[in-house]
Amino acid sequence: MSELTFEQMLEESLKTIHTGEVIEGTVIDVKPEEIILNIGYKSDGVLTRNEYTNESNVDLTTVAKPGDTMEVKVLKVNDGEGQVTLTYKRLAADRGNKRIEEAFNNKEVLTAKVARVLEGGLSVVIDEIRIFIPASLVSDVYEKDLTKYAGQEIQFVISEYNPKRRRYIGDRKQLLVAEKAELQRKLLESIHIGDVVEGVVKNVTDFGAFIDIGGADGLLHISEMSWGRVENPRKVFKVGDQVRTFIKDISGTKVALSLKFEEDNPWTNADEKYAIGNEVTGKVARMTDFGAFIELEPGVDALLHVSQISKEHIEKPSDVLKVGDEVTAKVVDFKSEDKKISLSIKALLNQSAEEKEEKPAQEPEAVSVDVEAAAADIEE
């Protein structure tokens, strides 16, 4: 180090610093646990690891080198050994506190990396200020496991600012809610009833599946999952499935979806296939006390009334039938508008009996006899 002139030494000896003052210094030496700075004072300044950061394992040789300039805050003018004790983290915290206050007042969106995943939420650090984001404000949906956020950059706003209690609360949920609301608004402006849309299954319930169609969730009700009968939506869909549906109805922000495409409608040619008098075969789908419903094909059920099951009196269908049995019967009624078909086994049995009665009795077959041979046998 070059020798100071008399004027420089005199100026330095007259320089004074005060506790709490923010000064600039030049790094002259760095050790893993402390940084020595020339602060233009008669004594050098010492910045320990504890006063540089709240992170306990930081090696200071990785964050500073001789020749670097740093702004620091004076903690003590004389630490008892003639040195000036400095702090960097408290200066950063002061500035961070002001930064957080401005962000709170201006509702500014902040971005920070998740420093820690806690039991009740996430912790992020901005300019040495720790901000807590409760689990309830991390997402717009319940998330039991928050470990996936470890080390990730997230965006949030400050929802509570209380420097006296050192209480700084972040909120990510409201950003997600606002973002989805905007996406929903744009989507609802662009879609129409009848549009075919692609979506991803987000949730499956007993009554249907909720499908994300790119900005809004549409409900695919169990009754709209197939032209046939669906007993349990969970056996048809699972979360993450890609689904091609069409929009059946839009009511405010509610979107109803359907998989019952008209080109697959089994009733389109039903009047021909199930015309009165036709003989049809199906399987028992379900039973009641008054009859059995026969599935002729997916989406087409017909009623076999208890009085039409047999010529004999039957108390209830379950006495002679069970679900899954194959049944052949005659169509005795067809109502296209109501999508109702009535069947009768009795009518089919009566028809068979009538056909047998109408069939003429067979004449006895003629027997060919060799008269001469017969006469010769008699003479003998």
Protein backbone atom coordinates (compact mmCIF):
# COMPACT_ATOMS: atom_id res chain seq x y z
CA MET A 1 0.00 0.00 0.00
CA SER A 2 1.41 3.42 -0.99
CA GLU A 3 2.31 5.82 1.81
CA LEU A 4 -0.16 8.59 2.55
CA THR A 5 0.88 12.23 2.21
CA PHE A 6 0.77 14.47 5.23
CA GLU A 7 -2.37 16.17 3.90
CA GLN A 8 -4.11 12.79 3.39
CA MET A 9 -3.13 11.65 6.87
CA LEU A 10 -4.41 14.88 8.34
CA GLU A 11 -7.71 14.62 6.43
CA GLU A 12 -8.14 11.01 7.52
CA SER A 13 -7.44 11.84 11.15
CA LEU A 14 -10.14 14.49 11.08
CA LYS A 15 -12.75 12.17 9.46
CA THR A 16 -15.44 10.99 11.80
CA ILE A 17 -18.08 8.27 11.45
CA HIS A 18 -21.16 7.58 13.52
CA THR A 19 -23.14 4.52 14.54
CA GLY A 20 -25.94 3.90 12.05
CA GLU A 21 -24.19 5.79 9.27
CA VAL A 22 -24.17 4.25 5.79
CA ILE A 23 -20.69 4.34 4.28
CA GLU A 24 -18.82 2.89 1.33
CA GLY A 25 -15.73 0.75 1.75
CA THR A 26 -13.22 -1.17 -0.35
CA VAL A 27 -12.53 -4.83 0.37
CA ILE A 28 -8.89 -5.34 1.36
CA ASP A 29 -9.08 -8.88 2.71
CA VAL A 30 -11.59 -11.74 2.71
CA LYS A 31 -11.75 -14.80 4.93
CA PRO A 32 -14.53 -17.41 5.00
CA GLU A 33 -15.99 -15.85 8.13
CA GLU A 34 -15.22 -12.11 7.71
CA ILE A 35 -14.50 -9.29 5.29
CA ILE A 36 -12.07 -6.43 6.05
CA LEU A 37 -12.82 -3.10 4.41
CA ASN A 38 -10.96 0.17 4.07
CA ILE A 39 -13.60 2.70 5.01
CA GLY A 40 -11.37 5.79 4.84
CA TYR A 41 -11.18 5.96 8.60
CA LYS A 42 -8.24 5.63 10.98
CA SER A 43 -9.40 2.06 11.60
CA ASP A 44 -10.50 -0.63 9.14
CA GLY A 45 -14.04 -1.96 9.17
CA VAL A 46 -14.89 -5.59 9.97
CA LEU A 47 -17.89 -7.30 8.42
CA THR A 48 -18.54 -10.74 9.95
CA ARG A 49 -20.53 -13.51 8.34
CA ASN A 50 -23.35 -13.02 10.87
CA GLU A 51 -23.66 -9.41 9.82
CA TYR A 52 -23.38 -10.15 6.13
CA THR A 53 -26.28 -12.58 5.86
CA ASN A 54 -28.75 -14.69 7.81
CA GLU A 55 -27.50 -17.77 6.01
CA SER A 56 -25.17 -19.55 8.44
CA ASN A 57 -23.11 -21.59 5.97
CA VAL A 58 -22.07 -18.91 3.51
CA ASP A 59 -18.34 -18.78 2.69
CA LEU A 60 -17.61 -15.06 2.32
CA THR A 61 -14.72 -15.74 -0.08
CA THR A 62 -17.40 -16.74 -2.60
CA VAL A 63 -19.28 -13.44 -2.39
CA ALA A 64 -16.50 -10.83 -2.20
CA LYS A 65 -12.87 -10.29 -3.27
CA PRO A 66 -10.23 -7.64 -2.65
CA GLY A 67 -10.92 -4.50 -4.63
CA ASP A 68 -14.72 -4.82 -4.48
CA THR A 69 -16.64 -1.84 -3.15
CA MET A 70 -19.52 -2.31 -0.74
CA GLU A 71 -22.07 -0.14 0.98
CA VAL A 72 -22.34 -1.01 4.65
CA LYS A 73 -23.80 0.35 7.85
CA VAL A 74 -21.79 1.21 10.96
CA LEU A 75 -22.75 -0.87 14.01
CA LYS A 76 -19.98 0.21 16.40
CA VAL A 77 -17.27 2.81 15.90
CA ASN A 78 -14.96 0.97 18.28
CA ASP A 79 -15.45 -2.74 18.94
CA GLY A 80 -12.98 -2.66 21.84
CA GLU A 81 -10.04 -3.60 19.63
CA GLY A 82 -9.91 -0.34 17.72
CA GLN A 83 -11.90 -1.67 14.74
CA VAL A 84 -15.20 -0.53 13.30
CA THR A 85 -17.95 -3.16 13.30
CA LEU A 86 -20.03 -3.11 10.13
CA THR A 87 -23.23 -4.72 8.93
CA TYR A 88 -24.46 -5.44 5.46
CA LYS A 89 -27.58 -7.46 6.17
CA ARG A 90 -29.16 -4.74 8.32
CA LEU A 91 -28.62 -2.17 5.63
CA ALA A 92 -30.11 -4.58 3.12
CA ALA A 93 -32.99 -5.20 5.52
CA ASP A 94 -33.61 -1.46 5.89
CA ARG A 95 -33.73 -1.10 2.15
CA GLY A 96 -35.71 -4.32 1.84
CA ASN A 97 -38.22 -3.06 4.35
CA LYS A 98 -38.71 0.09 2.30
CA ARG A 99 -38.95 -2.02 -0.85
CA ILE A 100 -41.62 -4.24 0.71
CA GLU A 101 -43.54 -1.20 1.96
CA GLU A 102 -43.61 0.28 -1.54
CA ALA A 103 -44.69 -3.04 -3.01
CA PHE A 104 -47.48 -3.31 -0.43
CA ASN A 105 -48.76 0.21 -1.09
CA ASN A 106 -48.56 -0.16 -4.87
CA LYS A 107 -49.88 -3.77 -4.95
CA GLU A 108 -46.77 -4.65 -6.90
CA VAL A 109 -46.19 -8.21 -8.06
CA LEU A 110 -42.92 -9.52 -6.61
CA THR A 111 -40.81 -12.45 -7.76
CA ALA A 112 -38.58 -14.47 -5.46
CA LYS A 113 -37.15 -17.95 -5.07
CA VAL A 114 -38.64 -20.16 -2.34
CA ALA A 115 -36.02 -20.31 0.40
CA ARG A 116 -37.75 -22.82 2.65
CA VAL A 117 -40.79 -25.07 2.62
CA LEU A 118 -42.37 -24.90 6.06
CA GLU A 119 -45.11 -26.96 7.62
CA GLY A 120 -47.65 -24.19 7.22
CA GLY A 121 -46.46 -22.54 4.02
CA LEU A 122 -43.49 -21.11 2.11
CA SER A 123 -40.72 -18.68 3.04
CA VAL A 124 -39.12 -16.33 0.53
CA VAL A 125 -36.47 -13.64 1.02
CA ILE A 126 -36.30 -10.24 -0.64
CA ASP A 127 -33.39 -7.98 0.37
CA GLU A 128 -32.92 -9.86 3.66
CA ILE A 129 -36.63 -9.58 4.48
CA ARG A 130 -38.30 -12.92 5.08
CA ILE A 131 -41.82 -13.12 3.73
CA PHE A 132 -44.17 -15.89 4.75
CA ILE A 133 -46.76 -17.25 2.33
CA PRO A 134 -49.33 -19.38 4.22
CA ALA A 135 -50.35 -22.67 2.62
CA SER A 136 -53.86 -21.30 2.12
CA LEU A 137 -52.44 -18.47 -0.03
CA VAL A 138 -49.98 -20.54 -2.07
CA SER A 139 -52.54 -21.75 -4.62
CA ASP A 140 -56.17 -21.36 -5.56
CA VAL A 141 -56.68 -25.06 -4.87
CA TYR A 142 -55.82 -27.08 -1.77
CA GLU A 143 -52.30 -28.51 -1.90
CA LYS A 144 -51.29 -30.88 0.84
CA ASP A 145 -47.66 -31.24 -0.27
CA LEU A 146 -45.77 -27.98 -0.90
CA THR A 147 -42.33 -29.55 -1.41
CA LYS A 148 -42.63 -29.15 -5.18
CA TYR A 149 -42.13 -25.39 -4.69
CA ALA A 150 -38.69 -25.77 -3.05
CA GLY A 151 -36.14 -23.63 -4.93
CA GLN A 152 -38.71 -22.43 -7.47
CA GLU A 153 -39.29 -18.80 -8.39
CA ILE A 154 -42.83 -17.71 -7.63
CA GLN A 155 -44.81 -14.51 -7.98
CA PHE A 156 -46.89 -12.99 -5.21
CA VAL A 157 -48.13 -9.75 -3.68
CA ILE A 158 -47.77 -8.47 -0.14
CA SER A 159 -51.12 -8.84 1.62
CA GLU A 160 -49.95 -7.80 5.10
CA TYR A 161 -47.15 -5.41 6.07
CA ASN A 162 -46.31 -4.89 9.74
CA PRO A 163 -42.62 -3.97 10.27
CA LYS A 164 -43.06 -3.41 14.01
CA ARG A 165 -44.00 -7.05 14.47
CA ARG A 166 -41.79 -8.10 11.57
CA ARG A 167 -44.84 -9.62 9.97
CA TYR A 168 -44.71 -9.77 6.19
CA ILE A 169 -47.35 -11.95 4.51
CA GLY A 170 -47.31 -12.85 0.83
CA ASP A 171 -50.26 -13.95 -1.29
CA ARG A 172 -49.90 -15.99 -4.47
CA LYS A 173 -53.50 -17.17 -4.57
CA GLN A 174 -55.04 -13.86 -5.59
CA LEU A 175 -52.74 -13.66 -8.62
CA LEU A 176 -53.81 -17.11 -9.77
CA VAL A 177 -57.48 -16.27 -9.20
CA ALA A 178 -57.15 -13.03 -11.17
CA GLU A 179 -55.27 -14.77 -13.97
CA LYS A 180 -57.90 -17.49 -14.26
CA ALA A 181 -60.69 -14.94 -14.20
CA GLU A 182 -59.11 -13.13 -17.14
CA LEU A 183 -58.61 -16.38 -19.05
CA GLN A 184 -62.21 -17.32 -18.31
CA ARG A 185 -63.47 -13.96 -19.57
CA LYS A 186 -61.57 -14.30 -22.84
CA LEU A 187 -62.71 -17.90 -23.28
CA LEU A 188 -66.39 -17.13 -22.67
CA GLU A 189 -66.20 -14.36 -25.25
CA SER A 190 -64.86 -16.76 -27.88
CA ILE A 191 -66.89 -19.97 -27.42
CA HIS A 192 -70.41 -20.83 -28.57
CA ILE A 193 -72.92 -23.61 -28.03
CA GLY A 194 -72.06 -26.47 -30.36
CA ASP A 195 -68.33 -25.73 -30.53
CA VAL A 196 -66.07 -28.77 -30.32
CA VAL A 197 -63.35 -28.24 -27.72
CA GLU A 198 -60.35 -30.13 -26.37
CA GLY A 199 -59.81 -30.32 -22.62
CA VAL A 200 -58.07 -32.02 -19.72
CA VAL A 201 -59.90 -33.78 -16.89
CA LYS A 202 -59.22 -31.92 -13.62
CA ASN A 203 -61.58 -33.73 -11.26
CA VAL A 204 -63.98 -36.68 -11.33
CA THR A 205 -67.00 -36.96 -9.05
CA ASP A 206 -69.98 -39.30 -8.69
CA PHE A 207 -72.08 -37.05 -10.91
CA GLY A 208 -69.58 -36.13 -13.62
CA ALA A 209 -66.17 -34.82 -14.60
CA PHE A 210 -64.79 -31.27 -14.57
CA ILE A 211 -62.75 -30.52 -17.65
CA ASP A 212 -60.37 -27.58 -18.18
CA ILE A 213 -61.09 -26.26 -21.65
CA GLY A 214 -58.42 -23.56 -21.58
CA GLY A 215 -59.56 -20.86 -19.17
CA ALA A 216 -62.69 -22.34 -17.62
CA ASP A 217 -63.85 -25.65 -16.23
CA GLY A 218 -66.74 -27.27 -18.01
CA LEU A 219 -68.95 -29.95 -16.44
CA LEU A 220 -69.37 -33.19 -18.32
CA HIS A 221 -72.37 -34.64 -16.50
CA ILE A 222 -72.69 -38.41 -16.13
CA SER A 223 -75.78 -38.31 -18.37
CA GLU A 224 -73.74 -36.68 -21.16
CA MET A 225 -70.76 -39.05 -21.08
CA SER A 226 -72.24 -41.55 -23.53
CA TRP A 227 -75.36 -42.40 -25.47
CA GLY A 228 -75.27 -45.55 -23.36
CA ARG A 229 -75.57 -45.86 -19.61
CA VAL A 230 -72.58 -44.85 -17.41
CA GLU A 231 -72.77 -46.22 -13.88
CA ASN A 232 -69.56 -44.70 -12.48
CA PRO A 233 -67.67 -41.75 -14.04
CA ARG A 234 -64.45 -42.87 -12.32
CA LYS A 235 -64.48 -46.04 -14.41
CA VAL A 236 -64.56 -43.94 -17.58
CA PHE A 237 -62.26 -40.98 -16.78
CA LYS A 238 -59.27 -40.18 -14.63
CA VAL A 239 -57.52 -36.89 -13.83
CA GLY A 240 -55.22 -35.86 -16.68
CA ASP A 241 -57.17 -37.54 -19.47
CA GLN A 242 -57.42 -35.61 -22.74
CA VAL A 243 -61.05 -35.29 -23.83
CA ARG A 244 -62.71 -34.04 -27.02
CA THR A 245 -66.19 -32.74 -26.24
CA PHE A 246 -68.67 -30.19 -27.50
CA ILE A 247 -70.34 -27.32 -25.68
CA LYS A 248 -73.95 -28.18 -24.90
CA ASP A 249 -74.87 -25.06 -22.93
CA ILE A 250 -73.43 -21.80 -21.53
CA SER A 251 -75.09 -20.16 -18.54
CA GLY A 252 -73.14 -17.19 -17.19
CA THR A 253 -69.76 -18.62 -16.28
CA LYS A 254 -71.03 -22.21 -16.23
CA VAL A 255 -70.24 -24.38 -19.23
CA ALA A 256 -72.00 -27.71 -19.82
CA LEU A 257 -70.19 -30.24 -21.99
CA SER A 258 -71.31 -33.38 -23.78
CA LEU A 259 -69.88 -36.42 -25.52
CA LYS A 260 -73.19 -37.34 -27.14
CA PHE A 261 -72.25 -36.31 -30.68
CA GLU A 262 -75.25 -36.40 -33.03
CA GLU A 263 -73.44 -38.53 -35.61
CA ASP A 264 -73.25 -41.28 -32.99
CA ASN A 265 -76.92 -41.00 -31.97
CA PRO A 266 -78.29 -44.57 -31.90
CA TRP A 267 -81.85 -43.28 -32.29
CA THR A 268 -81.18 -41.84 -35.75
CA ASN A 269 -82.33 -45.02 -37.57
CA ALA A 270 -84.07 -46.65 -34.62
CA ASP A 271 -87.51 -46.44 -36.28
CA GLU A 272 -86.27 -48.87 -38.93
CA LYS A 273 -84.29 -51.23 -36.72
CA TYR A 274 -86.94 -51.38 -34.01
CA ALA A 275 -90.14 -51.09 -36.01
CA ILE A 276 -93.28 -52.65 -34.51
CA GLY A 277 -93.29 -56.34 -35.26
CA ASN A 278 -89.51 -56.73 -35.50
CA GLU A 279 -87.83 -59.46 -33.53
CA VAL A 280 -84.93 -58.07 -31.48
CA THR A 281 -82.32 -59.36 -29.03
CA GLY A 282 -80.75 -57.53 -26.10
CA LYS A 283 -79.50 -57.92 -22.55
CA VAL A 284 -81.24 -57.18 -19.29
CA ALA A 285 -79.73 -53.89 -18.04
CA ARG A 286 -81.84 -53.34 -14.92
CA MET A 287 -85.10 -54.45 -13.37
CA THR A 288 -88.01 -52.99 -11.45
CA ASP A 289 -91.12 -54.56 -9.98
CA PHE A 290 -93.12 -53.70 -13.10
CA GLY A 291 -90.66 -54.90 -15.72
CA ALA A 292 -87.15 -55.29 -17.08
CA PHE A 293 -85.22 -52.78 -19.18
CA ILE A 294 -83.49 -54.43 -22.10
CA GLU A 295 -80.45 -52.74 -23.68
CA LEU A 296 -80.76 -53.29 -27.42
CA GLU A 297 -77.58 -51.25 -28.05
CA PRO A 298 -75.71 -48.53 -26.11
CA GLY A 299 -78.19 -45.70 -25.65
CA VAL A 300 -81.29 -47.66 -26.62
CA ASP A 301 -83.26 -49.36 -23.83
CA ALA A 302 -86.63 -51.03 -24.21
CA LEU A 303 -89.20 -51.98 -21.57
CA LEU A 304 -90.24 -55.57 -21.21
CA HIS A 305 -93.30 -55.31 -18.96
CA VAL A 306 -93.79 -58.04 -16.37
CA SER A 307 -97.07 -58.99 -18.08
CA GLN A 308 -95.23 -59.59 -21.36
CA ILE A 309 -92.47 -61.85 -20.10
CA SER A 310 -94.41 -65.13 -20.24
CA LYS A 311 -97.78 -66.67 -20.96
CA GLU A 312 -97.80 -67.74 -17.36
CA HIS A 313 -98.44 -65.29 -14.53
CA ILE A 314 -95.20 -63.83 -13.12
CA GLU A 315 -95.16 -61.91 -9.86
CA LYS A 316 -92.00 -59.95 -10.60
CA PRO A 317 -89.31 -60.00 -13.34
CA SER A 318 -86.55 -61.15 -10.98
CA ASP A 319 -88.39 -64.48 -10.59
CA VAL A 320 -87.35 -65.48 -14.13
CA LEU A 321 -84.71 -62.94 -15.22
CA LYS A 322 -81.47 -61.47 -13.94
CA VAL A 323 -79.23 -58.59 -15.08
CA GLY A 324 -77.06 -59.71 -17.98
CA ASP A 325 -79.51 -62.30 -19.35
CA GLU A 326 -79.94 -62.27 -23.13
CA VAL A 327 -83.54 -61.79 -24.20
CA THR A 328 -85.24 -62.17 -27.58
CA ALA A 329 -88.61 -60.48 -27.93
CA LYS A 330 -90.98 -58.74 -30.32
CA VAL A 331 -91.35 -54.97 -30.63
CA VAL A 332 -94.96 -54.13 -29.79
CA ASP A 333 -94.69 -50.35 -29.47
CA PHE A 334 -92.28 -47.65 -30.69
CA LYS A 335 -92.50 -43.95 -29.82
CA SER A 336 -89.72 -42.02 -31.56
CA GLU A 337 -90.33 -38.65 -29.90
CA ASP A 338 -90.31 -40.09 -26.39
CA LYS A 339 -87.56 -42.60 -27.23
CA LYS A 340 -89.66 -45.42 -25.82
CA ILE A 341 -89.79 -49.00 -27.04
CA SER A 342 -91.97 -51.75 -25.62
CA LEU A 343 -91.16 -55.44 -26.01
CA SER A 344 -93.06 -58.67 -25.53
CA ILE A 345 -91.82 -62.23 -25.20
CA LYS A 346 -95.45 -63.35 -24.89
CA ALA A 347 -96.26 -61.91 -28.34
CA LEU A 348 -93.28 -63.76 -29.80
CA LEU A 349 -94.43 -67.03 -28.19
CA ASN A 350 -97.99 -66.51 -29.47
CA GLN A 351 -96.65 -65.83 -32.94
CA SER A 352 -94.66 -69.05 -32.89
CA ALA A 353 -97.73 -71.02 -31.74
CA GLU A 354 -99.89 -69.51 -34.47
CA GLU A 355 -97.30 -70.34 -37.11
CA LYS A 356 -97.30 -73.96 -35.96
CA GLU A 357 -101.11 -74.18 -36.14
CA GLU A 358 -101.20 -72.67 -39.62
CA LYS A 359 -98.66 -75.17 -40.97
CA PRO A 360 -100.61 -77.99 -42.92
CA ALA A 361 -100.39 -81.57 -41.61
CA GLN A 362 -97.96 -83.71 -43.56
CA GLU A 363 -99.53 -86.48 -45.76
CA PRO A 364 -98.22 -90.03 -45.23
CA GLU A 365 -95.49 -90.94 -47.63
CA ALA A 366 -96.51 -93.27 -50.51
CA VAL A 367 -95.02 -96.73 -50.34
CA SER A 368 -93.82 -98.31 -53.54
CA VAL A 369 -94.74 -102.02 -53.78
CA ASP A 370 -93.53 -104.54 -56.38
CA VAL A 371 -96.88 -106.30 -57.04
CA GLU A 372 -95.46 -109.20 -59.05
CA ALA A 373 -92.83 -109.99 -56.41
CA ALA A 374 -95.48 -109.88 -53.73
CA ALA A 375 -97.77 -112.24 -55.68
CA ALA A 376 -94.93 -114.70 -56.21
CA ASP A 377 -94.25 -114.72 -52.49
CA ILE A 378 -97.90 -115.52 -51.79
CA GLU A 379 -97.94 -118.45 -54.27
CA GLU A 380 -94.92 -119.96 -52.64
